[in-house]
Amino acid sequence: MSIPIAICLFLMMFPIMVKIDFGKVVRSSKNLRPVGLTLFVNWAIKPFTMYAIAVLFLGTIFHELIGPDALDLVKLPFGLDLPVGASHGEGTVVLVEGVKLLQVPLWRSYLAGCILLGIAPCTAMVLVWGHLARGNDGLTLVMVALNSLAMLLLYGLLGGYLLGVGRLPVPWQALLLSIAVYVALPLVAGWLTRRTLIAARGEDWFQQKFLPILTPITISALLATLVLLFSFKGEVILANPLTILWIAIPLFLQTVLVFALGYGLARLLKLRYEDAAPAAMIGASNHFEVAIATAAMLFGLSSGAALATVIGVLIEVPVMLMLVRFCLKTQGWFGDRKG
């Protein structure tokens, strides 16, 4: 885990958690339609649209541009010990500096990274997107909690199925640590801060004096996170400018498509805007920390799969900010409907 990024993400989450009225969280949990919508989009639609879009672009449209004969070296699947020259799926076992690796088509390695992003719904940054879009923070928190639990059960199953490499070992420690640092820790800190300050200074002081001080912190931390991510992977990006484009296009289309499906279904279900916006955004954004950790563990940090997950991070923030702006401009689509 990157300590600077962890600190920035905490600073993004904490001001939002402090503002949450946890009484509203309990009431929001009884609103089943937006919760059911986000679970349906995240687990029944999103993984499969990501697979289809990535195969279409990386395996067909951009196949010649990536290089039909281009190869990538990735780790052998866990527990598999094959002789040099043996075939495994679309790969061949080779010996590199005394280590057995699997040589696979490069586009398939990129595909693996896209899949790992597609099966990881966001459980941290979506709190920022929902907040900026003036959504229901309490409901967003409920959906984050449910998707975190669903990820523990479904991430490995869907990953193993879509990757086609047998059972996918999920990095449970990395997943739990990520959820603890990016969601649980700021949640507890925010709850304690809110409870302590209201008890000591009153509700009016808390709302009028304390909360305005926190407002710039979320945006500042978000900008700092962007700077850190670009600085960590700047050399890789500069060395592969066209590769970045080939991977970014299907990831962009996937994000917009999943958002459009969620937002459109929310309107058909006659949800309130404050519920519809976060319900659509939680499916459109990705849990990039888990995706990057899994790609590095399964395929290697220098693999095309790991590169694809990093590209997903770099394009997600500007795309999600674009969708936030779209949401704010289309609040009128939902009128005064009661969820």
C-alpha atoms as a PDB file:
ATOM      1  CA  MET A   1       0.000   0.000   0.000  1.00  0.00           C
ATOM      2  CA  SER A   2       1.218   3.477  -0.877  1.00  0.00           C
ATOM      3  CA  ILE A   3       1.257   5.463   2.379  1.00  0.00           C
ATOM      4  CA  PRO A   4       0.936   8.899   0.655  1.00  0.00           C
ATOM      5  CA  ILE A   5      -2.062   7.725  -1.390  1.00  0.00           C
ATOM      6  CA  ALA A   6      -3.607   6.104   1.695  1.00  0.00           C
ATOM      7  CA  ILE A   7      -3.304   9.417   3.562  1.00  0.00           C
ATOM      8  CA  CYS A   8      -4.840  11.351   0.672  1.00  0.00           C
ATOM      9  CA  LEU A   9      -7.735   8.914   0.377  1.00  0.00           C
ATOM     10  CA  PHE A  10      -8.358   9.157   4.126  1.00  0.00           C
ATOM     11  CA  LEU A  11      -8.426  12.950   3.875  1.00  0.00           C
ATOM     12  CA  MET A  12     -10.911  12.651   1.011  1.00  0.00           C
ATOM     13  CA  MET A  13     -13.185  10.334   2.979  1.00  0.00           C
ATOM     14  CA  PHE A  14     -13.065  11.915   6.448  1.00  0.00           C
ATOM     15  CA  PRO A  15     -14.875  15.215   5.667  1.00  0.00           C
ATOM     16  CA  ILE A  16     -17.635  13.262   3.947  1.00  0.00           C
ATOM     17  CA  MET A  17     -18.016  10.804   6.833  1.00  0.00           C
ATOM     18  CA  VAL A  18     -18.218  13.678   9.361  1.00  0.00           C
ATOM     19  CA  LYS A  19     -21.151  15.161   7.461  1.00  0.00           C
ATOM     20  CA  ILE A  20     -23.162  11.915   7.464  1.00  0.00           C
ATOM     21  CA  ASP A  21     -26.172  11.818   9.776  1.00  0.00           C
ATOM     22  CA  PHE A  22     -26.117   8.156  10.767  1.00  0.00           C
ATOM     23  CA  GLY A  23     -29.807   8.268  11.562  1.00  0.00           C
ATOM     24  CA  LYS A  24     -30.324   8.828   7.843  1.00  0.00           C
ATOM     25  CA  VAL A  25     -28.144   5.809   7.101  1.00  0.00           C
ATOM     26  CA  VAL A  26     -30.565   3.575   8.981  1.00  0.00           C
ATOM     27  CA  ARG A  27     -33.517   5.097   7.180  1.00  0.00           C
ATOM     28  CA  SER A  28     -31.776   4.843   3.789  1.00  0.00           C
ATOM     29  CA  SER A  29     -31.075   1.128   4.284  1.00  0.00           C
ATOM     30  CA  LYS A  30     -34.822   0.549   4.140  1.00  0.00           C
ATOM     31  CA  ASN A  31     -34.936   1.967   0.604  1.00  0.00           C
ATOM     32  CA  LEU A  32     -34.468  -1.262  -1.349  1.00  0.00           C
ATOM     33  CA  ARG A  33     -34.793  -0.011  -4.929  1.00  0.00           C
ATOM     34  CA  PRO A  34     -31.509   1.939  -5.252  1.00  0.00           C
ATOM     35  CA  VAL A  35     -29.655  -0.719  -3.248  1.00  0.00           C
ATOM     36  CA  GLY A  36     -31.023  -3.488  -5.446  1.00  0.00           C
ATOM     37  CA  LEU A  37     -30.237  -1.465  -8.569  1.00  0.00           C
ATOM     38  CA  THR A  38     -26.565  -0.978  -7.732  1.00  0.00           C
ATOM     39  CA  LEU A  39     -26.103  -4.648  -6.774  1.00  0.00           C
ATOM     40  CA  PHE A  40     -27.738  -5.754 -10.039  1.00  0.00           C
ATOM     41  CA  VAL A  41     -25.655  -3.436 -12.223  1.00  0.00           C
ATOM     42  CA  ASN A  42     -22.375  -4.157 -10.398  1.00  0.00           C
ATOM     43  CA  TRP A  43     -22.575  -7.945 -10.373  1.00  0.00           C
ATOM     44  CA  ALA A  44     -25.000  -9.039 -13.096  1.00  0.00           C
ATOM     45  CA  ILE A  45     -24.068  -6.548 -15.845  1.00  0.00           C
ATOM     46  CA  LYS A  46     -20.762  -4.723 -15.312  1.00  0.00           C
ATOM     47  CA  PRO A  47     -18.292  -7.683 -15.298  1.00  0.00           C
ATOM     48  CA  PHE A  48     -19.723  -9.073 -18.521  1.00  0.00           C
ATOM     49  CA  THR A  49     -19.940  -5.778 -20.415  1.00  0.00           C
ATOM     50  CA  MET A  50     -16.295  -5.110 -19.441  1.00  0.00           C
ATOM     51  CA  TYR A  51     -15.272  -8.502 -20.811  1.00  0.00           C
ATOM     52  CA  ALA A  52     -17.219  -8.017 -24.044  1.00  0.00           C
ATOM     53  CA  ILE A  53     -15.996  -4.466 -24.691  1.00  0.00           C
ATOM     54  CA  ALA A  54     -12.357  -5.353 -23.902  1.00  0.00           C
ATOM     55  CA  VAL A  55     -12.407  -8.408 -26.174  1.00  0.00           C
ATOM     56  CA  LEU A  56     -14.012  -6.389 -28.978  1.00  0.00           C
ATOM     57  CA  PHE A  57     -11.457  -3.570 -28.873  1.00  0.00           C
ATOM     58  CA  LEU A  58      -8.270  -5.267 -27.664  1.00  0.00           C
ATOM     59  CA  GLY A  59      -8.814  -8.594 -29.385  1.00  0.00           C
ATOM     60  CA  THR A  60     -10.357  -7.342 -32.643  1.00  0.00           C
ATOM     61  CA  ILE A  61     -10.397  -3.612 -33.430  1.00  0.00           C
ATOM     62  CA  PHE A  62      -6.964  -2.784 -31.939  1.00  0.00           C
ATOM     63  CA  HIS A  63      -5.461  -6.251 -32.369  1.00  0.00           C
ATOM     64  CA  GLU A  64      -3.205  -5.293 -35.276  1.00  0.00           C
ATOM     65  CA  LEU A  65      -2.193  -2.024 -33.614  1.00  0.00           C
ATOM     66  CA  ILE A  66      -1.198  -3.743 -30.380  1.00  0.00           C
ATOM     67  CA  GLY A  67       0.676  -6.351 -32.414  1.00  0.00           C
ATOM     68  CA  PRO A  68      -0.774  -9.764 -33.301  1.00  0.00           C
ATOM     69  CA  ASP A  69       2.551 -11.374 -32.424  1.00  0.00           C
ATOM     70  CA  ALA A  70       3.318  -9.203 -29.377  1.00  0.00           C
ATOM     71  CA  LEU A  71       3.880 -11.268 -26.232  1.00  0.00           C
ATOM     72  CA  ASP A  72       3.894 -10.652 -22.510  1.00  0.00           C
ATOM     73  CA  LEU A  73       5.543 -12.558 -19.659  1.00  0.00           C
ATOM     74  CA  VAL A  74       3.348 -13.223 -16.641  1.00  0.00           C
ATOM     75  CA  LYS A  75       3.566 -15.376 -13.558  1.00  0.00           C
ATOM     76  CA  LEU A  76       2.459 -18.989 -13.693  1.00  0.00           C
ATOM     77  CA  PRO A  77      -0.895 -19.518 -11.969  1.00  0.00           C
ATOM     78  CA  PHE A  78      -0.558 -20.363  -8.299  1.00  0.00           C
ATOM     79  CA  GLY A  79       0.123 -24.027  -7.613  1.00  0.00           C
ATOM     80  CA  LEU A  80       0.907 -24.814 -11.254  1.00  0.00           C
ATOM     81  CA  ASP A  81       4.317 -26.341 -12.067  1.00  0.00           C
ATOM     82  CA  LEU A  82       4.635 -27.146 -15.769  1.00  0.00           C
ATOM     83  CA  PRO A  83       7.781 -28.033 -17.739  1.00  0.00           C
ATOM     84  CA  VAL A  84       9.355 -25.486 -20.068  1.00  0.00           C
ATOM     85  CA  GLY A  85       7.646 -25.601 -23.459  1.00  0.00           C
ATOM     86  CA  ALA A  86       4.322 -26.808 -22.069  1.00  0.00           C
ATOM     87  CA  SER A  87       1.125 -25.039 -23.075  1.00  0.00           C
ATOM     88  CA  HIS A  88      -1.372 -23.583 -20.648  1.00  0.00           C
ATOM     89  CA  GLY A  89      -4.418 -21.924 -22.155  1.00  0.00           C
ATOM     90  CA  GLU A  90      -3.138 -19.404 -24.687  1.00  0.00           C
ATOM     91  CA  GLY A  91       0.342 -19.316 -23.140  1.00  0.00           C
ATOM     92  CA  THR A  92       3.590 -21.249 -23.250  1.00  0.00           C
ATOM     93  CA  VAL A  93       5.923 -21.899 -20.329  1.00  0.00           C
ATOM     94  CA  VAL A  94       9.361 -20.327 -20.835  1.00  0.00           C
ATOM     95  CA  LEU A  95      12.461 -19.967 -18.670  1.00  0.00           C
ATOM     96  CA  VAL A  96      13.654 -16.403 -18.045  1.00  0.00           C
ATOM     97  CA  GLU A  97      16.727 -15.910 -15.862  1.00  0.00           C
ATOM     98  CA  GLY A  98      16.075 -19.213 -14.152  1.00  0.00           C
ATOM     99  CA  VAL A  99      12.392 -18.470 -13.438  1.00  0.00           C
ATOM    100  CA  LYS A 100       9.476 -20.180 -15.164  1.00  0.00           C
ATOM    101  CA  LEU A 101       7.038 -17.691 -16.662  1.00  0.00           C
ATOM    102  CA  LEU A 102       4.028 -17.939 -18.913  1.00  0.00           C
ATOM    103  CA  GLN A 103       4.366 -16.281 -22.315  1.00  0.00           C
ATOM    104  CA  VAL A 104       0.955 -15.037 -23.452  1.00  0.00           C
ATOM    105  CA  PRO A 105      -0.362 -12.767 -26.211  1.00  0.00           C
ATOM    106  CA  LEU A 106       0.027  -9.169 -25.048  1.00  0.00           C
ATOM    107  CA  TRP A 107      -3.556  -8.240 -25.775  1.00  0.00           C
ATOM    108  CA  ARG A 108      -4.771 -11.021 -23.487  1.00  0.00           C
ATOM    109  CA  SER A 109      -2.645  -9.642 -20.681  1.00  0.00           C
ATOM    110  CA  TYR A 110      -4.286  -6.234 -21.172  1.00  0.00           C
ATOM    111  CA  LEU A 111      -7.661  -8.015 -21.211  1.00  0.00           C
ATOM    112  CA  ALA A 112      -6.910  -9.585 -17.824  1.00  0.00           C
ATOM    113  CA  GLY A 113      -6.266  -6.167 -16.295  1.00  0.00           C
ATOM    114  CA  CYS A 114      -9.528  -4.813 -17.704  1.00  0.00           C
ATOM    115  CA  ILE A 115     -11.425  -7.775 -16.265  1.00  0.00           C
ATOM    116  CA  LEU A 116      -9.931  -7.205 -12.813  1.00  0.00           C
ATOM    117  CA  LEU A 117     -11.157  -3.605 -12.972  1.00  0.00           C
ATOM    118  CA  GLY A 118     -14.600  -4.643 -14.192  1.00  0.00           C
ATOM    119  CA  ILE A 119     -15.251  -6.989 -11.271  1.00  0.00           C
ATOM    120  CA  ALA A 120     -14.204  -4.468  -8.605  1.00  0.00           C
ATOM    121  CA  PRO A 121     -16.960  -1.909  -7.900  1.00  0.00           C
ATOM    122  CA  CYS A 122     -15.718   1.172  -6.090  1.00  0.00           C
ATOM    123  CA  THR A 123     -15.926   1.203  -2.293  1.00  0.00           C
ATOM    124  CA  ALA A 124     -14.079   4.421  -1.507  1.00  0.00           C
ATOM    125  CA  MET A 125     -13.887   7.076  -4.222  1.00  0.00           C
ATOM    126  CA  VAL A 126     -17.612   6.699  -4.986  1.00  0.00           C
ATOM    127  CA  LEU A 127     -18.243   8.478  -1.690  1.00  0.00           C
ATOM    128  CA  VAL A 128     -16.482  11.477  -3.225  1.00  0.00           C
ATOM    129  CA  TRP A 129     -18.364  11.250  -6.534  1.00  0.00           C
ATOM    130  CA  GLY A 130     -21.735  10.894  -4.817  1.00  0.00           C
ATOM    131  CA  HIS A 131     -20.958  13.787  -2.494  1.00  0.00           C
ATOM    132  CA  LEU A 132     -19.866  16.087  -5.333  1.00  0.00           C
ATOM    133  CA  ALA A 133     -23.038  15.184  -7.241  1.00  0.00           C
ATOM    134  CA  ARG A 134     -25.131  16.160  -4.173  1.00  0.00           C
ATOM    135  CA  GLY A 135     -26.323  12.611  -3.683  1.00  0.00           C
ATOM    136  CA  ASN A 136     -27.564  10.882  -0.570  1.00  0.00           C
ATOM    137  CA  ASP A 137     -24.350  10.308   1.434  1.00  0.00           C
ATOM    138  CA  GLY A 138     -26.082   7.947   3.849  1.00  0.00           C
ATOM    139  CA  LEU A 139     -27.429   5.746   1.076  1.00  0.00           C
ATOM    140  CA  THR A 140     -24.049   5.786  -0.668  1.00  0.00           C
ATOM    141  CA  LEU A 141     -22.458   4.466   2.497  1.00  0.00           C
ATOM    142  CA  VAL A 142     -25.029   1.653   2.715  1.00  0.00           C
ATOM    143  CA  MET A 143     -24.345   0.672  -0.908  1.00  0.00           C
ATOM    144  CA  VAL A 144     -20.590   0.777  -0.317  1.00  0.00           C
ATOM    145  CA  ALA A 145     -20.959  -1.569   2.649  1.00  0.00           C
ATOM    146  CA  LEU A 146     -23.099  -4.054   0.701  1.00  0.00           C
ATOM    147  CA  ASN A 147     -20.782  -4.019  -2.311  1.00  0.00           C
ATOM    148  CA  SER A 148     -17.784  -4.580  -0.039  1.00  0.00           C
ATOM    149  CA  LEU A 149     -19.450  -7.704   1.330  1.00  0.00           C
ATOM    150  CA  ALA A 150     -20.456  -8.839  -2.159  1.00  0.00           C
ATOM    151  CA  MET A 151     -16.878  -8.358  -3.358  1.00  0.00           C
ATOM    152  CA  LEU A 152     -15.590 -10.680  -0.659  1.00  0.00           C
ATOM    153  CA  LEU A 153     -17.858 -13.413  -2.010  1.00  0.00           C
ATOM    154  CA  LEU A 154     -17.934 -12.775  -5.775  1.00  0.00           C
ATOM    155  CA  TYR A 155     -14.600 -11.199  -6.741  1.00  0.00           C
ATOM    156  CA  GLY A 156     -12.706 -14.478  -6.896  1.00  0.00           C
ATOM    157  CA  LEU A 157     -15.558 -16.435  -8.489  1.00  0.00           C
ATOM    158  CA  LEU A 158     -16.189 -13.944 -11.290  1.00  0.00           C
ATOM    159  CA  GLY A 159     -12.477 -13.311 -11.796  1.00  0.00           C
ATOM    160  CA  GLY A 160     -11.683 -16.985 -12.145  1.00  0.00           C
ATOM    161  CA  TYR A 161     -14.563 -17.490 -14.562  1.00  0.00           C
ATOM    162  CA  LEU A 162     -13.855 -14.510 -16.801  1.00  0.00           C
ATOM    163  CA  LEU A 163     -10.072 -14.819 -16.790  1.00  0.00           C
ATOM    164  CA  GLY A 164     -10.267 -18.468 -17.701  1.00  0.00           C
ATOM    165  CA  VAL A 165      -7.205 -19.381 -15.639  1.00  0.00           C
ATOM    166  CA  GLY A 166      -8.904 -21.609 -13.095  1.00  0.00           C
ATOM    167  CA  ARG A 167      -9.590 -20.366  -9.618  1.00  0.00           C
ATOM    168  CA  LEU A 168      -8.508 -16.786  -9.019  1.00  0.00           C
ATOM    169  CA  PRO A 169      -6.786 -16.332  -5.649  1.00  0.00           C
ATOM    170  CA  VAL A 170      -8.222 -13.144  -4.158  1.00  0.00           C
ATOM    171  CA  PRO A 171      -5.745 -11.112  -2.059  1.00  0.00           C
ATOM    172  CA  TRP A 172      -7.929 -11.192   1.056  1.00  0.00           C
ATOM    173  CA  GLN A 173      -5.411  -9.335   3.211  1.00  0.00           C
ATOM    174  CA  ALA A 174      -5.010  -6.540   0.655  1.00  0.00           C
ATOM    175  CA  LEU A 175      -8.787  -6.358   0.162  1.00  0.00           C
ATOM    176  CA  LEU A 176      -9.588  -6.186   3.870  1.00  0.00           C
ATOM    177  CA  LEU A 177      -6.787  -3.700   4.536  1.00  0.00           C
ATOM    178  CA  SER A 178      -7.990  -1.502   1.689  1.00  0.00           C
ATOM    179  CA  ILE A 179     -11.577  -1.482   2.966  1.00  0.00           C
ATOM    180  CA  ALA A 180     -10.337  -0.810   6.510  1.00  0.00           C
ATOM    181  CA  VAL A 181      -8.138   2.149   5.532  1.00  0.00           C
ATOM    182  CA  TYR A 182     -10.309   3.730   2.847  1.00  0.00           C
ATOM    183  CA  VAL A 183     -13.781   3.154   4.359  1.00  0.00           C
ATOM    184  CA  ALA A 184     -13.839   1.849   7.940  1.00  0.00           C
ATOM    185  CA  LEU A 185     -11.164   4.104   9.456  1.00  0.00           C
ATOM    186  CA  PRO A 186     -12.569   7.428   8.152  1.00  0.00           C
ATOM    187  CA  LEU A 187     -16.074   6.185   8.970  1.00  0.00           C
ATOM    188  CA  VAL A 188     -15.212   5.568  12.628  1.00  0.00           C
ATOM    189  CA  ALA A 189     -13.167   8.788  12.850  1.00  0.00           C
ATOM    190  CA  GLY A 190     -16.007  10.794  11.291  1.00  0.00           C
ATOM    191  CA  TRP A 191     -18.638   9.269  13.572  1.00  0.00           C
ATOM    192  CA  LEU A 192     -16.566   9.925  16.703  1.00  0.00           C
ATOM    193  CA  THR A 193     -15.754  13.488  15.615  1.00  0.00           C
ATOM    194  CA  ARG A 194     -19.382  14.299  14.826  1.00  0.00           C
ATOM    195  CA  ARG A 195     -20.661  12.803  18.067  1.00  0.00           C
ATOM    196  CA  THR A 196     -18.004  14.478  20.225  1.00  0.00           C
ATOM    197  CA  LEU A 197     -18.295  17.961  18.709  1.00  0.00           C
ATOM    198  CA  ILE A 198     -22.100  18.049  18.693  1.00  0.00           C
ATOM    199  CA  ALA A 199     -22.146  16.930  22.324  1.00  0.00           C
ATOM    200  CA  ALA A 200     -19.580  19.582  23.280  1.00  0.00           C
ATOM    201  CA  ARG A 201     -20.547  22.580  21.107  1.00  0.00           C
ATOM    202  CA  GLY A 202     -24.039  21.862  19.802  1.00  0.00           C
ATOM    203  CA  GLU A 203     -25.598  21.106  16.399  1.00  0.00           C
ATOM    204  CA  ASP A 204     -25.628  24.729  15.185  1.00  0.00           C
ATOM    205  CA  TRP A 205     -21.904  25.284  15.850  1.00  0.00           C
ATOM    206  CA  PHE A 206     -21.075  21.985  14.181  1.00  0.00           C
ATOM    207  CA  GLN A 207     -23.085  22.787  11.040  1.00  0.00           C
ATOM    208  CA  GLN A 208     -22.188  26.475  10.707  1.00  0.00           C
ATOM    209  CA  LYS A 209     -18.624  26.680  12.016  1.00  0.00           C
ATOM    210  CA  PHE A 210     -16.915  23.306  11.788  1.00  0.00           C
ATOM    211  CA  LEU A 211     -18.222  21.786   8.544  1.00  0.00           C
ATOM    212  CA  PRO A 212     -17.252  24.781   6.327  1.00  0.00           C
ATOM    213  CA  ILE A 213     -13.628  24.321   7.437  1.00  0.00           C
ATOM    214  CA  LEU A 214     -13.654  20.779   5.991  1.00  0.00           C
ATOM    215  CA  THR A 215     -15.139  21.652   2.601  1.00  0.00           C
ATOM    216  CA  PRO A 216     -11.841  22.339   0.726  1.00  0.00           C
ATOM    217  CA  ILE A 217     -10.063  19.308   2.178  1.00  0.00           C
ATOM    218  CA  THR A 218     -11.787  16.682  -0.022  1.00  0.00           C
ATOM    219  CA  ILE A 219     -10.971  18.474  -3.284  1.00  0.00           C
ATOM    220  CA  SER A 220      -7.373  19.199  -2.220  1.00  0.00           C
ATOM    221  CA  ALA A 221      -6.813  15.553  -1.283  1.00  0.00           C
ATOM    222  CA  LEU A 222      -8.306  14.417  -4.597  1.00  0.00           C
ATOM    223  CA  LEU A 223      -5.918  16.648  -6.558  1.00  0.00           C
ATOM    224  CA  ALA A 224      -2.961  15.424  -4.487  1.00  0.00           C
ATOM    225  CA  THR A 225      -3.940  11.815  -5.223  1.00  0.00           C
ATOM    226  CA  LEU A 226      -3.900  12.536  -8.959  1.00  0.00           C
ATOM    227  CA  VAL A 227      -0.446  14.070  -8.751  1.00  0.00           C
ATOM    228  CA  LEU A 228       0.902  11.082  -6.814  1.00  0.00           C
ATOM    229  CA  LEU A 229      -0.555   8.510  -9.220  1.00  0.00           C
ATOM    230  CA  PHE A 230       0.925  10.244 -12.252  1.00  0.00           C
ATOM    231  CA  SER A 231       4.307  10.607 -10.560  1.00  0.00           C
ATOM    232  CA  PHE A 232       4.457   6.904  -9.623  1.00  0.00           C
ATOM    233  CA  LYS A 233       3.677   5.687 -13.171  1.00  0.00           C
ATOM    234  CA  GLY A 234       4.899   8.608 -15.253  1.00  0.00           C
ATOM    235  CA  GLU A 235       7.789   6.716 -16.882  1.00  0.00           C
ATOM    236  CA  VAL A 236       5.552   3.807 -17.908  1.00  0.00           C
ATOM    237  CA  ILE A 237       2.973   6.134 -19.410  1.00  0.00           C
ATOM    238  CA  LEU A 238       5.525   8.186 -21.354  1.00  0.00           C
ATOM    239  CA  ALA A 239       7.169   5.036 -22.676  1.00  0.00           C
ATOM    240  CA  ASN A 240       3.861   3.591 -23.952  1.00  0.00           C
ATOM    241  CA  PRO A 241       1.724   6.488 -25.186  1.00  0.00           C
ATOM    242  CA  LEU A 242      -0.210   4.531 -27.846  1.00  0.00           C
ATOM    243  CA  THR A 243      -0.681   1.523 -25.588  1.00  0.00           C
ATOM    244  CA  ILE A 244      -2.303   3.862 -23.097  1.00  0.00           C
ATOM    245  CA  LEU A 245      -4.784   4.928 -25.770  1.00  0.00           C
ATOM    246  CA  TRP A 246      -5.679   1.384 -26.868  1.00  0.00           C
ATOM    247  CA  ILE A 247      -6.487   0.399 -23.290  1.00  0.00           C
ATOM    248  CA  ALA A 248      -8.099   3.702 -22.305  1.00  0.00           C
ATOM    249  CA  ILE A 249     -10.740   3.629 -25.047  1.00  0.00           C
ATOM    250  CA  PRO A 250     -12.548   0.422 -23.956  1.00  0.00           C
ATOM    251  CA  LEU A 251     -12.243   1.443 -20.297  1.00  0.00           C
ATOM    252  CA  PHE A 252     -13.789   4.837 -21.084  1.00  0.00           C
ATOM    253  CA  LEU A 253     -16.652   3.267 -23.037  1.00  0.00           C
ATOM    254  CA  GLN A 254     -17.278   0.765 -20.257  1.00  0.00           C
ATOM    255  CA  THR A 255     -17.474   3.505 -17.633  1.00  0.00           C
ATOM    256  CA  VAL A 256     -19.919   5.601 -19.652  1.00  0.00           C
ATOM    257  CA  LEU A 257     -22.038   2.575 -20.632  1.00  0.00           C
ATOM    258  CA  VAL A 258     -22.410   1.251 -17.089  1.00  0.00           C
ATOM    259  CA  PHE A 259     -23.220   4.739 -15.787  1.00  0.00           C
ATOM    260  CA  ALA A 260     -25.840   5.229 -18.514  1.00  0.00           C
ATOM    261  CA  LEU A 261     -27.454   1.881 -17.712  1.00  0.00           C
ATOM    262  CA  GLY A 262     -27.570   2.632 -13.994  1.00  0.00           C
ATOM    263  CA  TYR A 263     -28.785   6.199 -14.426  1.00  0.00           C
ATOM    264  CA  GLY A 264     -31.391   5.179 -17.001  1.00  0.00           C
ATOM    265  CA  LEU A 265     -32.703   2.321 -14.868  1.00  0.00           C
ATOM    266  CA  ALA A 266     -32.866   4.660 -11.876  1.00  0.00           C
ATOM    267  CA  ARG A 267     -35.106   6.968 -13.864  1.00  0.00           C
ATOM    268  CA  LEU A 268     -37.314   4.067 -14.954  1.00  0.00           C
ATOM    269  CA  LEU A 269     -37.594   2.989 -11.320  1.00  0.00           C
ATOM    270  CA  LYS A 270     -38.624   6.574 -10.460  1.00  0.00           C
ATOM    271  CA  LEU A 271     -35.897   7.082  -7.895  1.00  0.00           C
ATOM    272  CA  ARG A 272     -35.133  10.466  -6.395  1.00  0.00           C
ATOM    273  CA  TYR A 273     -32.128  12.208  -7.901  1.00  0.00           C
ATOM    274  CA  GLU A 274     -30.157  12.056  -4.638  1.00  0.00           C
ATOM    275  CA  ASP A 275     -30.497   8.252  -4.735  1.00  0.00           C
ATOM    276  CA  ALA A 276     -30.093   7.803  -8.498  1.00  0.00           C
ATOM    277  CA  ALA A 277     -26.761   9.616  -8.824  1.00  0.00           C
ATOM    278  CA  PRO A 278     -24.724   7.506  -6.355  1.00  0.00           C
ATOM    279  CA  ALA A 279     -26.506   4.302  -7.461  1.00  0.00           C
ATOM    280  CA  ALA A 280     -25.267   4.883 -11.020  1.00  0.00           C
ATOM    281  CA  MET A 281     -21.780   6.047 -10.031  1.00  0.00           C
ATOM    282  CA  ILE A 282     -20.894   3.144  -7.779  1.00  0.00           C
ATOM    283  CA  GLY A 283     -21.104   0.829 -10.789  1.00  0.00           C
ATOM    284  CA  ALA A 284     -19.294   3.154 -13.168  1.00  0.00           C
ATOM    285  CA  SER A 285     -16.242   3.606 -10.923  1.00  0.00           C
ATOM    286  CA  ASN A 286     -13.784   0.882  -9.887  1.00  0.00           C
ATOM    287  CA  HIS A 287     -11.972  -0.258  -6.751  1.00  0.00           C
ATOM    288  CA  PHE A 288      -8.569   0.347  -8.342  1.00  0.00           C
ATOM    289  CA  GLU A 289      -6.543  -0.486  -5.216  1.00  0.00           C
ATOM    290  CA  VAL A 290      -7.802  -4.074  -5.233  1.00  0.00           C
ATOM    291  CA  ALA A 291      -7.513  -4.400  -9.034  1.00  0.00           C
ATOM    292  CA  ILE A 292      -3.875  -3.227  -9.058  1.00  0.00           C
ATOM    293  CA  ALA A 293      -2.948  -5.434  -6.102  1.00  0.00           C
ATOM    294  CA  THR A 294      -4.564  -8.481  -7.699  1.00  0.00           C
ATOM    295  CA  ALA A 295      -2.959  -7.883 -11.106  1.00  0.00           C
ATOM    296  CA  ALA A 296       0.480  -7.494  -9.533  1.00  0.00           C
ATOM    297  CA  MET A 297       0.019 -10.621  -7.426  1.00  0.00           C
ATOM    298  CA  LEU A 298      -1.369 -12.821 -10.205  1.00  0.00           C
ATOM    299  CA  PHE A 299       0.583 -11.647 -13.229  1.00  0.00           C
ATOM    300  CA  GLY A 300       3.494  -9.522 -11.971  1.00  0.00           C
ATOM    301  CA  LEU A 301       4.001  -5.793 -11.477  1.00  0.00           C
ATOM    302  CA  SER A 302       5.594  -5.392 -14.919  1.00  0.00           C
ATOM    303  CA  SER A 303       2.817  -7.277 -16.732  1.00  0.00           C
ATOM    304  CA  GLY A 304       0.397  -5.811 -19.218  1.00  0.00           C
ATOM    305  CA  ALA A 305      -2.420  -6.679 -16.807  1.00  0.00           C
ATOM    306  CA  ALA A 306      -0.922  -4.463 -14.108  1.00  0.00           C
ATOM    307  CA  LEU A 307      -0.424  -1.654 -16.625  1.00  0.00           C
ATOM    308  CA  ALA A 308      -4.087  -1.861 -17.662  1.00  0.00           C
ATOM    309  CA  THR A 309      -5.265  -1.457 -14.068  1.00  0.00           C
ATOM    310  CA  VAL A 310      -3.067   1.631 -13.619  1.00  0.00           C
ATOM    311  CA  ILE A 311      -4.456   3.151 -16.823  1.00  0.00           C
ATOM    312  CA  GLY A 312      -7.906   2.528 -15.400  1.00  0.00           C
ATOM    313  CA  VAL A 313      -7.001   4.681 -12.413  1.00  0.00           C
ATOM    314  CA  LEU A 314      -5.654   7.526 -14.510  1.00  0.00           C
ATOM    315  CA  ILE A 315      -8.706   7.823 -16.758  1.00  0.00           C
ATOM    316  CA  GLU A 316     -11.303   7.183 -14.070  1.00  0.00           C
ATOM    317  CA  VAL A 317     -10.949  10.471 -12.181  1.00  0.00           C
ATOM    318  CA  PRO A 318     -11.515  12.841 -15.132  1.00  0.00           C
ATOM    319  CA  VAL A 319     -14.289  10.632 -16.527  1.00  0.00           C
ATOM    320  CA  MET A 320     -16.086  10.450 -13.179  1.00  0.00           C
ATOM    321  CA  LEU A 321     -15.786  14.219 -12.738  1.00  0.00           C
ATOM    322  CA  MET A 322     -17.396  14.552 -16.170  1.00  0.00           C
ATOM    323  CA  LEU A 323     -20.239  12.273 -15.049  1.00  0.00           C
ATOM    324  CA  VAL A 324     -20.636  14.274 -11.823  1.00  0.00           C
ATOM    325  CA  ARG A 325     -21.129  17.386 -13.927  1.00  0.00           C
ATOM    326  CA  PHE A 326     -23.621  15.525 -16.126  1.00  0.00           C
ATOM    327  CA  CYS A 327     -25.590  14.453 -13.049  1.00  0.00           C
ATOM    328  CA  LEU A 328     -25.741  17.987 -11.689  1.00  0.00           C
ATOM    329  CA  LYS A 329     -27.070  19.253 -15.033  1.00  0.00           C
ATOM    330  CA  THR A 330     -29.756  16.549 -15.286  1.00  0.00           C
ATOM    331  CA  GLN A 331     -31.283  16.734 -11.797  1.00  0.00           C
ATOM    332  CA  GLY A 332     -34.465  17.958 -13.446  1.00  0.00           C
ATOM    333  CA  TRP A 333     -34.935  14.571 -15.132  1.00  0.00           C
ATOM    334  CA  PHE A 334     -36.042  13.173 -11.770  1.00  0.00           C
ATOM    335  CA  GLY A 335     -38.338  16.033 -10.763  1.00  0.00           C
ATOM    336  CA  ASP A 336     -39.656  15.833  -7.209  1.00  0.00           C
ATOM    337  CA  ARG A 337     -40.101  12.086  -7.190  1.00  0.00           C
ATOM    338  CA  LYS A 338     -40.165  10.359  -3.850  1.00  0.00           C
ATOM    339  CA  GLY A 339     -37.912   7.299  -3.667  1.00  0.00           C
END
